[in-house]
Amino acid sequence: VDYPSRKTIWTGIFISAIFFGLIH
C-alpha cells in the first residue's frame, strides 16, 4: 500500500514502545 492505515501506525507505535521499554 502507498499510505499507512491507522492500524499500521498504531502497530508501529506499540512495537516501538515495547522496544523503548526493553532498552530501559
PDB file of all heavy atoms in Angstrom:
ATOM      1  N   VAL A   1       0.848  -1.195   0.000  1.00  0.00           N
ATOM      2  CA  VAL A   1       0.000   0.000   0.000  1.00  0.00           C
ATOM      3  C   VAL A   1       0.884   1.246   0.000  1.00  0.00           C
ATOM      4  O   VAL A   1       2.023   1.215   0.451  1.00  0.00           O
ATOM      5  CB  VAL A   1      -0.943   0.031   1.224  1.00  0.00           C
ATOM      6  CG1 VAL A   1      -1.939  -1.112   1.150  1.00  0.00           C
ATOM      7  CG2 VAL A   1      -0.152  -0.039   2.526  1.00  0.00           C
ATOM      8  N   ASP A   2       0.338   2.336  -0.509  1.00  0.00           N
ATOM      9  CA  ASP A   2       1.104   3.578  -0.608  1.00  0.00           C
ATOM     10  C   ASP A   2       1.072   4.395   0.677  1.00  0.00           C
ATOM     11  O   ASP A   2       2.028   5.112   0.984  1.00  0.00           O
ATOM     12  CB  ASP A   2       0.575   4.438  -1.763  1.00  0.00           C
ATOM     13  CG  ASP A   2       0.838   3.796  -3.120  1.00  0.00           C
ATOM     14  OD1 ASP A   2       1.868   3.115  -3.250  1.00  0.00           O
ATOM     15  OD2 ASP A   2      -0.001   3.971  -4.032  1.00  0.00           O
ATOM     16  N   TYR A   3      -0.039   4.289   1.425  1.00  0.00           N
ATOM     17  CA  TYR A   3      -0.169   5.089   2.641  1.00  0.00           C
ATOM     18  C   TYR A   3      -0.519   4.176   3.820  1.00  0.00           C
ATOM     19  O   TYR A   3      -1.325   3.245   3.684  1.00  0.00           O
ATOM     20  CB  TYR A   3      -1.257   6.149   2.471  1.00  0.00           C
ATOM     21  CG  TYR A   3      -0.958   7.125   1.360  1.00  0.00           C
ATOM     22  CD1 TYR A   3      -1.537   6.972   0.095  1.00  0.00           C
ATOM     23  CD2 TYR A   3      -0.083   8.188   1.564  1.00  0.00           C
ATOM     24  CE1 TYR A   3      -1.245   7.877  -0.929  1.00  0.00           C
ATOM     25  CE2 TYR A   3       0.209   9.086   0.545  1.00  0.00           C
ATOM     26  CZ  TYR A   3      -0.370   8.922  -0.698  1.00  0.00           C
ATOM     27  OH  TYR A   3      -0.080   9.794  -1.707  1.00  0.00           O
ATOM     28  N   PRO A   4       0.069   4.434   4.980  1.00  0.00           N
ATOM     29  CA  PRO A   4      -0.200   3.570   6.141  1.00  0.00           C
ATOM     30  C   PRO A   4      -1.592   3.813   6.715  1.00  0.00           C
ATOM     31  O   PRO A   4      -2.051   4.955   6.792  1.00  0.00           O
ATOM     32  CB  PRO A   4       0.880   3.981   7.136  1.00  0.00           C
ATOM     33  CG  PRO A   4       1.196   5.402   6.791  1.00  0.00           C
ATOM     34  CD  PRO A   4       1.039   5.496   5.294  1.00  0.00           C
ATOM     35  N   SER A   5      -2.253   2.740   7.107  1.00  0.00           N
ATOM     36  CA  SER A   5      -3.557   2.855   7.759  1.00  0.00           C
ATOM     37  C   SER A   5      -3.348   3.189   9.232  1.00  0.00           C
ATOM     38  O   SER A   5      -2.232   3.110   9.761  1.00  0.00           O
ATOM     39  CB  SER A   5      -4.320   1.538   7.644  1.00  0.00           C
ATOM     40  OG  SER A   5      -3.631   0.506   8.342  1.00  0.00           O
ATOM     41  N   ARG A   6      -4.421   3.558   9.904  1.00  0.00           N
ATOM     42  CA  ARG A   6      -4.345   3.825  11.348  1.00  0.00           C
ATOM     43  C   ARG A   6      -3.891   2.589  12.098  1.00  0.00           C
ATOM     44  O   ARG A   6      -3.099   2.680  13.057  1.00  0.00           O
ATOM     45  CB  ARG A   6      -5.703   4.290  11.869  1.00  0.00           C
ATOM     46  CG  ARG A   6      -6.144   5.643  11.355  1.00  0.00           C
ATOM     47  CD  ARG A   6      -7.513   6.001  11.895  1.00  0.00           C
ATOM     48  NE  ARG A   6      -7.490   6.151  13.329  1.00  0.00           N
ATOM     49  CZ  ARG A   6      -7.229   7.296  13.955  1.00  0.00           C
ATOM     50  NH1 ARG A   6      -6.972   8.390  13.259  1.00  0.00           N
ATOM     51  NH2 ARG A   6      -7.240   7.371  15.272  1.00  0.00           N
ATOM     52  N   LYS A   7      -4.349   1.413  11.670  1.00  0.00           N
ATOM     53  CA  LYS A   7      -3.941   0.161  12.319  1.00  0.00           C
ATOM     54  C   LYS A   7      -2.441  -0.050  12.176  1.00  0.00           C
ATOM     55  O   LYS A   7      -1.764  -0.465  13.129  1.00  0.00           O
ATOM     56  CB  LYS A   7      -4.709  -1.008  11.696  1.00  0.00           C
ATOM     57  CG  LYS A   7      -4.361  -2.363  12.315  1.00  0.00           C
ATOM     58  CD  LYS A   7      -5.153  -3.475  11.661  1.00  0.00           C
ATOM     59  CE  LYS A   7      -4.777  -4.842  12.250  1.00  0.00           C
ATOM     60  NZ  LYS A   7      -5.537  -5.942  11.602  1.00  0.00           N
ATOM     61  N   THR A   8      -1.917   0.236  10.995  1.00  0.00           N
ATOM     62  CA  THR A   8      -0.483   0.090  10.759  1.00  0.00           C
ATOM     63  C   THR A   8       0.310   1.046  11.642  1.00  0.00           C
ATOM     64  O   THR A   8       1.326   0.664  12.246  1.00  0.00           O
ATOM     65  CB  THR A   8      -0.151   0.362   9.281  1.00  0.00           C
ATOM     66  OG1 THR A   8      -0.789  -0.636   8.470  1.00  0.00           O
ATOM     67  CG2 THR A   8       1.351   0.324   9.039  1.00  0.00           C
ATOM     68  N   ILE A   9      -0.150   2.276  11.747  1.00  0.00           N
ATOM     69  CA  ILE A   9       0.549   3.266  12.556  1.00  0.00           C
ATOM     70  C   ILE A   9       0.527   2.878  14.036  1.00  0.00           C
ATOM     71  O   ILE A   9       1.558   2.947  14.721  1.00  0.00           O
ATOM     72  CB  ILE A   9      -0.072   4.666  12.354  1.00  0.00           C
ATOM     73  CG1 ILE A   9       0.233   5.163  10.938  1.00  0.00           C
ATOM     74  CG2 ILE A   9       0.480   5.650  13.393  1.00  0.00           C
ATOM     75  CD1 ILE A   9      -0.450   6.456  10.572  1.00  0.00           C
ATOM     76  N   TRP A  10      -0.632   2.434  14.519  1.00  0.00           N
ATOM     77  CA  TRP A  10      -0.707   2.036  15.929  1.00  0.00           C
ATOM     78  C   TRP A  10       0.132   0.794  16.205  1.00  0.00           C
ATOM     79  O   TRP A  10       0.697   0.647  17.291  1.00  0.00           O
ATOM     80  CB  TRP A  10      -2.157   1.816  16.344  1.00  0.00           C
ATOM     81  CG  TRP A  10      -2.858   3.089  16.696  1.00  0.00           C
ATOM     82  CD1 TRP A  10      -3.838   3.716  15.991  1.00  0.00           C
ATOM     83  CD2 TRP A  10      -2.592   3.919  17.827  1.00  0.00           C
ATOM     84  NE1 TRP A  10      -4.211   4.875  16.608  1.00  0.00           N
ATOM     85  CE2 TRP A  10      -3.469   5.035  17.742  1.00  0.00           C
ATOM     86  CE3 TRP A  10      -1.702   3.828  18.901  1.00  0.00           C
ATOM     87  CZ2 TRP A  10      -3.468   6.042  18.702  1.00  0.00           C
ATOM     88  CZ3 TRP A  10      -1.710   4.847  19.851  1.00  0.00           C
ATOM     89  CH2 TRP A  10      -2.583   5.923  19.753  1.00  0.00           C
ATOM     90  N   THR A  11       0.237  -0.080  15.229  1.00  0.00           N
ATOM     91  CA  THR A  11       1.122  -1.243  15.381  1.00  0.00           C
ATOM     92  C   THR A  11       2.563  -0.768  15.540  1.00  0.00           C
ATOM     93  O   THR A  11       3.301  -1.258  16.412  1.00  0.00           O
ATOM     94  CB  THR A  11       1.019  -2.168  14.156  1.00  0.00           C
ATOM     95  OG1 THR A  11      -0.328  -2.637  14.035  1.00  0.00           O
ATOM     96  CG2 THR A  11       1.956  -3.362  14.300  1.00  0.00           C
ATOM     97  N   GLY A  12       2.970   0.193  14.698  1.00  0.00           N
ATOM     98  CA  GLY A  12       4.315   0.753  14.806  1.00  0.00           C
ATOM     99  C   GLY A  12       4.540   1.440  16.133  1.00  0.00           C
ATOM    100  O   GLY A  12       5.621   1.326  16.733  1.00  0.00           O
ATOM    101  N   ILE A  13       3.531   2.144  16.624  1.00  0.00           N
ATOM    102  CA  ILE A  13       3.643   2.839  17.906  1.00  0.00           C
ATOM    103  C   ILE A  13       3.852   1.838  19.041  1.00  0.00           C
ATOM    104  O   ILE A  13       4.748   1.999  19.879  1.00  0.00           O
ATOM    105  CB  ILE A  13       2.386   3.691  18.170  1.00  0.00           C
ATOM    106  CG1 ILE A  13       2.352   4.900  17.231  1.00  0.00           C
ATOM    107  CG2 ILE A  13       2.339   4.161  19.629  1.00  0.00           C
ATOM    108  CD1 ILE A  13       1.069   5.718  17.310  1.00  0.00           C
ATOM    109  N   PHE A  14       3.029   0.779  19.074  1.00  0.00           N
ATOM    110  CA  PHE A  14       3.102  -0.187  20.175  1.00  0.00           C
ATOM    111  C   PHE A  14       4.391  -1.010  20.142  1.00  0.00           C
ATOM    112  O   PHE A  14       5.024  -1.237  21.178  1.00  0.00           O
ATOM    113  CB  PHE A  14       1.886  -1.119  20.156  1.00  0.00           C
ATOM    114  CG  PHE A  14       0.633  -0.490  20.697  1.00  0.00           C
ATOM    115  CD1 PHE A  14      -0.535  -0.479  19.956  1.00  0.00           C
ATOM    116  CD2 PHE A  14       0.615   0.094  21.953  1.00  0.00           C
ATOM    117  CE1 PHE A  14      -1.690   0.106  20.447  1.00  0.00           C
ATOM    118  CE2 PHE A  14      -0.524   0.690  22.452  1.00  0.00           C
ATOM    119  CZ  PHE A  14      -1.686   0.693  21.702  1.00  0.00           C
ATOM    120  N   ILE A  15       4.792  -1.469  18.972  1.00  0.00           N
ATOM    121  CA  ILE A  15       6.011  -2.271  18.884  1.00  0.00           C
ATOM    122  C   ILE A  15       7.236  -1.444  19.279  1.00  0.00           C
ATOM    123  O   ILE A  15       8.102  -1.902  20.037  1.00  0.00           O
ATOM    124  CB  ILE A  15       6.192  -2.854  17.466  1.00  0.00           C
ATOM    125  CG1 ILE A  15       5.083  -3.872  17.170  1.00  0.00           C
ATOM    126  CG2 ILE A  15       7.564  -3.535  17.329  1.00  0.00           C
ATOM    127  CD1 ILE A  15       5.124  -4.436  15.759  1.00  0.00           C
ATOM    128  N   SER A  16       7.304  -0.213  18.788  1.00  0.00           N
ATOM    129  CA  SER A  16       8.439   0.647  19.151  1.00  0.00           C
ATOM    130  C   SER A  16       8.411   0.980  20.637  1.00  0.00           C
ATOM    131  O   SER A  16       9.469   1.117  21.271  1.00  0.00           O
ATOM    132  CB  SER A  16       8.444   1.927  18.309  1.00  0.00           C
ATOM    133  OG  SER A  16       7.267   2.687  18.506  1.00  0.00           O
ATOM    134  N   ALA A  17       7.208   1.100  21.227  1.00  0.00           N
ATOM    135  CA  ALA A  17       7.096   1.374  22.659  1.00  0.00           C
ATOM    136  C   ALA A  17       7.591   0.185  23.484  1.00  0.00           C
ATOM    137  O   ALA A  17       8.195   0.368  24.557  1.00  0.00           O
ATOM    138  CB  ALA A  17       5.651   1.704  23.021  1.00  0.00           C
ATOM    139  N   ILE A  18       7.358  -1.025  23.005  1.00  0.00           N
ATOM    140  CA  ILE A  18       7.861  -2.218  23.698  1.00  0.00           C
ATOM    141  C   ILE A  18       9.387  -2.219  23.703  1.00  0.00           C
ATOM    142  O   ILE A  18      10.032  -2.459  24.742  1.00  0.00           O
ATOM    143  CB  ILE A  18       7.317  -3.498  23.039  1.00  0.00           C
ATOM    144  CG1 ILE A  18       5.815  -3.623  23.296  1.00  0.00           C
ATOM    145  CG2 ILE A  18       8.057  -4.738  23.571  1.00  0.00           C
ATOM    146  CD1 ILE A  18       5.140  -4.738  22.520  1.00  0.00           C
ATOM    147  N   PHE A  19       9.993  -1.926  22.564  1.00  0.00           N
ATOM    148  CA  PHE A  19      11.448  -1.850  22.499  1.00  0.00           C
ATOM    149  C   PHE A  19      11.970  -0.691  23.343  1.00  0.00           C
ATOM    150  O   PHE A  19      13.060  -0.771  23.920  1.00  0.00           O
ATOM    151  CB  PHE A  19      11.912  -1.711  21.047  1.00  0.00           C
ATOM    152  CG  PHE A  19      11.946  -3.011  20.296  1.00  0.00           C
ATOM    153  CD1 PHE A  19      10.880  -3.410  19.511  1.00  0.00           C
ATOM    154  CD2 PHE A  19      13.052  -3.851  20.378  1.00  0.00           C
ATOM    155  CE1 PHE A  19      10.893  -4.610  18.830  1.00  0.00           C
ATOM    156  CE2 PHE A  19      13.089  -5.047  19.697  1.00  0.00           C
ATOM    157  CZ  PHE A  19      12.012  -5.439  18.918  1.00  0.00           C
ATOM    158  N   PHE A  20      11.189   0.367  23.411  1.00  0.00           N
ATOM    159  CA  PHE A  20      11.531   1.518  24.241  1.00  0.00           C
ATOM    160  C   PHE A  20      11.634   1.087  25.711  1.00  0.00           C
ATOM    161  O   PHE A  20      12.528   1.540  26.442  1.00  0.00           O
ATOM    162  CB  PHE A  20      10.464   2.597  24.057  1.00  0.00           C
ATOM    163  CG  PHE A  20      10.728   3.877  24.783  1.00  0.00           C
ATOM    164  CD1 PHE A  20      11.839   4.647  24.495  1.00  0.00           C
ATOM    165  CD2 PHE A  20       9.829   4.340  25.739  1.00  0.00           C
ATOM    166  CE1 PHE A  20      12.064   5.847  25.156  1.00  0.00           C
ATOM    167  CE2 PHE A  20      10.042   5.535  26.394  1.00  0.00           C
ATOM    168  CZ  PHE A  20      11.165   6.291  26.110  1.00  0.00           C
ATOM    169  N   GLY A  21      10.716   0.220  26.129  1.00  0.00           N
ATOM    170  CA  GLY A  21      10.766  -0.305  27.490  1.00  0.00           C
ATOM    171  C   GLY A  21      11.951  -1.228  27.708  1.00  0.00           C
ATOM    172  O   GLY A  21      12.649  -1.147  28.727  1.00  0.00           O
ATOM    173  N   LEU A  22      12.210  -2.092  26.742  1.00  0.00           N
ATOM    174  CA  LEU A  22      13.310  -3.051  26.872  1.00  0.00           C
ATOM    175  C   LEU A  22      14.661  -2.358  26.998  1.00  0.00           C
ATOM    176  O   LEU A  22      15.530  -2.798  27.756  1.00  0.00           O
ATOM    177  CB  LEU A  22      13.318  -3.997  25.659  1.00  0.00           C
ATOM    178  CG  LEU A  22      12.173  -5.001  25.573  1.00  0.00           C
ATOM    179  CD1 LEU A  22      12.210  -5.740  24.230  1.00  0.00           C
ATOM    180  CD2 LEU A  22      12.234  -6.003  26.731  1.00  0.00           C
ATOM    181  N   ILE A  23      14.846  -1.271  26.251  1.00  0.00           N
ATOM    182  CA  ILE A  23      16.133  -0.578  26.278  1.00  0.00           C
ATOM    183  C   ILE A  23      16.365   0.108  27.620  1.00  0.00           C
ATOM    184  O   ILE A  23      17.512   0.439  27.973  1.00  0.00           O
ATOM    185  CB  ILE A  23      16.219   0.442  25.115  1.00  0.00           C
ATOM    186  CG1 ILE A  23      17.693   0.750  24.768  1.00  0.00           C
ATOM    187  CG2 ILE A  23      15.501   1.720  25.482  1.00  0.00           C
ATOM    188  CD1 ILE A  23      18.434  -0.381  24.148  1.00  0.00           C
ATOM    189  N   HIS A  24      15.294   0.334  28.394  1.00  0.00           N
ATOM    190  CA  HIS A  24      15.440   0.980  29.695  1.00  0.00           C
ATOM    191  C   HIS A  24      15.745  -0.018  30.814  1.00  0.00           C
ATOM    192  O   HIS A  24      16.076   0.404  31.934  1.00  0.00           O
ATOM    193  CB  HIS A  24      14.186   1.778  30.046  1.00  0.00           C
ATOM    194  CG  HIS A  24      14.116   3.111  29.378  1.00  0.00           C
ATOM    195  ND1 HIS A  24      13.681   3.271  28.077  1.00  0.00           N
ATOM    196  CD2 HIS A  24      14.447   4.361  29.811  1.00  0.00           C
ATOM    197  CE1 HIS A  24      13.738   4.548  27.751  1.00  0.00           C
ATOM    198  NE2 HIS A  24      14.201   5.231  28.779  1.00  0.00           N
TER     199      HIS A  24
END
